[in-house]
Protein backbone atom coordinates (compact mmCIF):
# COMPACT_ATOMS: atom_id res chain seq x y z
CA UNK A 1 -6.56 -20.89 7.60
CA UNK A 2 -6.80 -23.28 3.88
CA UNK A 3 -3.96 -22.16 2.87
CA UNK A 4 -2.22 -23.94 6.03
CA UNK A 5 -4.43 -26.74 5.82
CA UNK A 6 -3.41 -27.31 1.95
CA UNK A 7 0.10 -27.25 2.81
CA UNK A 8 -0.10 -29.37 5.58
CA UNK A 9 -2.08 -32.08 2.95
CA UNK A 10 0.94 -31.84 0.65
CA UNK A 11 3.05 -32.09 3.18
CA UNK A 12 1.53 -35.46 3.84
CA UNK A 13 1.34 -36.19 0.20
CA UNK A 14 4.60 -35.72 -0.75
CA UNK A 15 6.08 -37.92 3.08
CA UNK A 16 3.83 -40.79 1.19
CA UNK A 17 5.05 -40.68 -1.76
CA UNK A 18 8.16 -40.67 -1.30
CA UNK A 19 8.47 -43.69 1.33
CA UNK A 20 5.96 -45.63 -1.26
CA UNK A 21 8.99 -45.24 -3.94
CA UNK A 22 11.62 -45.89 -1.16
CA UNK A 23 9.77 -48.94 0.36
CA UNK A 24 8.34 -49.95 -3.27
CA UNK A 25 12.18 -49.43 -4.35
CA UNK A 26 13.97 -51.75 -1.55
CA UNK A 27 11.16 -54.69 -1.21
CA UNK A 28 12.16 -55.16 -5.68
CA UNK A 29 15.50 -54.83 -5.44
CA UNK A 30 15.66 -56.70 -2.12
CA UNK A 31 13.03 -59.61 -3.46
CA UNK A 32 14.85 -63.28 -5.27
CA UNK A 33 13.69 -62.41 -8.43
CA UNK A 34 15.44 -62.51 -12.06
CA UNK A 35 16.44 -59.88 -13.89
CA UNK A 36 14.06 -59.45 -16.83
CA UNK A 37 11.24 -59.89 -14.18
CA UNK A 38 12.69 -57.28 -12.09
CA UNK A 39 13.35 -54.54 -14.57
CA UNK A 40 9.63 -55.37 -15.74
CA UNK A 41 8.73 -54.61 -12.24
CA UNK A 42 10.52 -51.66 -11.72
CA UNK A 43 9.40 -50.26 -15.26
CA UNK A 44 5.65 -50.67 -14.76
CA UNK A 45 5.99 -49.24 -10.96
CA UNK A 46 7.85 -46.47 -12.28
CA UNK A 47 4.15 -46.17 -14.36
CA UNK A 48 2.86 -46.25 -11.92
CA UNK A 49 4.40 -43.79 -9.05
CA UNK A 50 4.04 -41.42 -12.30
CA UNK A 51 0.71 -41.47 -12.95
CA UNK A 52 0.14 -41.04 -9.42
CA UNK A 53 2.17 -37.65 -9.42
CA UNK A 54 0.46 -36.14 -12.50
CA UNK A 55 -3.40 -37.08 -10.68
CA UNK A 56 -1.62 -35.30 -7.53
CA UNK A 57 -0.69 -32.49 -9.22
CA UNK A 58 -3.28 -32.28 -11.23
CA UNK A 59 -5.19 -31.95 -8.09
CA UNK A 60 -2.50 -29.17 -6.18
CA UNK A 61 -2.92 -27.37 -9.54
CA UNK A 62 -7.19 -27.17 -9.67
CA UNK A 63 -6.67 -26.18 -5.65
CA UNK A 64 -4.17 -23.44 -6.11
CA UNK A 65 -7.00 -21.91 -9.44
CA UNK A 66 -9.82 -22.36 -7.08
CA UNK A 67 -7.55 -20.29 -4.17
CA UNK A 68 -6.74 -17.93 -6.33
CA UNK A 69 -10.29 -17.05 -7.73
CA UNK A 70 -11.44 -17.25 -4.77
CA UNK A 71 -9.09 -14.23 -3.26
CA UNK A 72 -9.68 -12.23 -6.29
CA UNK A 73 -13.10 -12.50 -6.12
CA UNK A 74 -12.48 -10.36 -2.76
CA UNK A 75 -10.03 -8.13 -3.76
CA UNK A 76 -12.82 -7.11 -6.16
CA UNK A 77 -15.54 -6.94 -4.02
CA UNK A 78 -13.44 -4.83 -1.97
CA UNK A 79 -12.39 -2.27 -3.94
CA UNK A 80 -15.95 -1.82 -4.99
CA UNK A 81 -16.43 -1.71 -1.40
CA UNK A 82 -13.37 1.11 -1.18
CA UNK A 83 -14.89 3.08 -4.54
CA UNK A 84 -18.18 3.54 -2.80
CA UNK A 85 -17.12 4.48 0.08
CA UNK A 86 -14.72 7.22 -1.64
CA UNK A 87 -17.80 8.44 -4.15
CA UNK A 88 -19.45 8.62 -0.81
CA UNK A 89 -17.26 10.99 1.88
CA UNK A 90 -16.94 12.89 -2.33
CA UNK A 91 -20.74 13.59 -1.68
CA UNK A 92 -21.22 14.65 1.47
CA UNK A 93 -18.56 16.61 2.52
CA UNK A 94 -19.69 18.51 -0.81
CA UNK A 95 -22.66 18.64 0.61
CA UNK A 96 -21.23 19.85 4.36
CA UNK A 97 -19.51 22.49 2.53
CA UNK A 98 -22.25 23.66 1.42
CA UNK A 99 -24.03 23.80 4.18
CA UNK A 100 -21.21 25.91 5.56
CA UNK A 101 -21.24 28.02 3.30
CA UNK A 102 -25.36 29.29 3.68
CA UNK A 103 -24.66 29.09 7.59
CA UNK A 104 -21.84 32.14 7.08
CA UNK A 105 -23.39 34.26 4.48
CA UNK A 106 -26.65 34.32 7.27
CA UNK A 107 -24.62 34.88 10.17
CA UNK A 108 -22.94 38.03 8.56
CA UNK A 109 -26.00 38.70 7.30
CA UNK A 110 -28.25 38.31 11.12
CA UNK A 111 -24.81 40.26 11.42
CA UNK A 112 -24.99 43.30 9.43
CA UNK A 113 -28.79 43.62 10.21
CA UNK A 114 -29.19 43.68 14.09
CA UNK A 115 -26.17 46.62 13.83
CA UNK A 116 -27.85 49.97 11.51
CA UNK A 117 -25.73 52.09 13.24
CA UNK A 118 -22.34 49.77 11.78
CA UNK A 119 -19.14 52.14 11.47
CA UNK A 120 -17.91 51.27 7.60
CA UNK A 121 -14.51 49.81 9.93
CA UNK A 122 -17.13 47.91 11.30
CA UNK A 123 -18.37 46.71 8.40
CA UNK A 124 -14.79 46.11 6.36
CA UNK A 125 -14.32 43.68 9.27
CA UNK A 126 -18.02 41.98 9.46
CA UNK A 127 -17.09 41.43 5.44
CA UNK A 128 -13.28 40.33 5.78
CA UNK A 129 -15.08 37.94 8.75
CA UNK A 130 -16.83 36.46 6.17
CA UNK A 131 -15.11 36.03 3.77
CA UNK A 132 -12.49 34.29 5.63
CA UNK A 133 -14.99 31.58 6.71
CA UNK A 134 -15.91 31.11 3.44
CA UNK A 135 -12.27 30.70 2.60
CA UNK A 136 -11.46 28.03 5.39
CA UNK A 137 -14.91 26.17 4.51
CA UNK A 138 -13.41 26.42 0.83
CA UNK A 139 -10.03 24.45 1.88
CA UNK A 140 -11.62 21.66 3.92
CA UNK A 141 -13.22 20.99 1.15
CA UNK A 142 -10.52 20.66 -1.34
CA UNK A 143 -8.78 19.02 1.85
CA UNK A 144 -11.05 16.68 1.25
CA UNK A 145 -11.81 16.07 -1.86
CA UNK A 146 -7.74 15.66 -1.95
CA UNK A 147 -8.68 12.89 0.62
CA UNK A 148 -11.19 11.41 -1.32
CA UNK A 149 -9.14 11.34 -4.74
CA UNK A 150 -5.85 9.24 -3.28
CA UNK A 151 -8.91 7.14 -2.19
CA UNK A 152 -10.04 6.79 -5.75
CA UNK A 153 -6.19 6.02 -6.63
CA UNK A 154 -5.34 3.56 -3.79
CA UNK A 155 -8.76 1.94 -4.83
CA UNK A 156 -7.73 1.47 -9.06
CA UNK A 157 -4.47 0.16 -7.89
CA UNK A 158 -5.88 -2.22 -6.55
CA UNK A 159 -7.94 -3.09 -8.83
CA UNK A 160 -5.67 -3.40 -11.03
CA UNK A 161 -3.27 -6.21 -8.62
CA UNK A 162 -6.54 -7.86 -8.60
CA UNK A 163 -7.12 -8.13 -12.14
CA UNK A 164 -3.37 -9.13 -12.69
CA UNK A 165 -4.62 -11.67 -10.37
């Protein structure tokens, strides 16, 4: 929104500046004055116009620097938030994986404990089920870690972009 207002203000200043130059030139050329006086007045008006242009350019440059600074600060703030979110996600996924492993082991132990008369085949099946459950938890943890790593890489890239601004 500030950019739109800046563009409108810029257009207004350009129009006023061009209109002023054209009007002043027309007035000077159409006024009945001697050549020396006309040249002197044109030189003075040109100097005034140059001063006005310099002043306006300085103001625009300052406004552009301020806008760039604000954008850079906001981008850095967002990059920090993304890094915090990635860290939090990594920590919580690790905690969840640990709890899942504990739960799988606890359930397998309960199954073994409730059936005293298990055949060796049933024991093997219980062990295989436990191993498979642990593998699934490990895969989920690995996938979560990769997603978190990609988020960290994206955050690092955005930090580099804001630094280059």
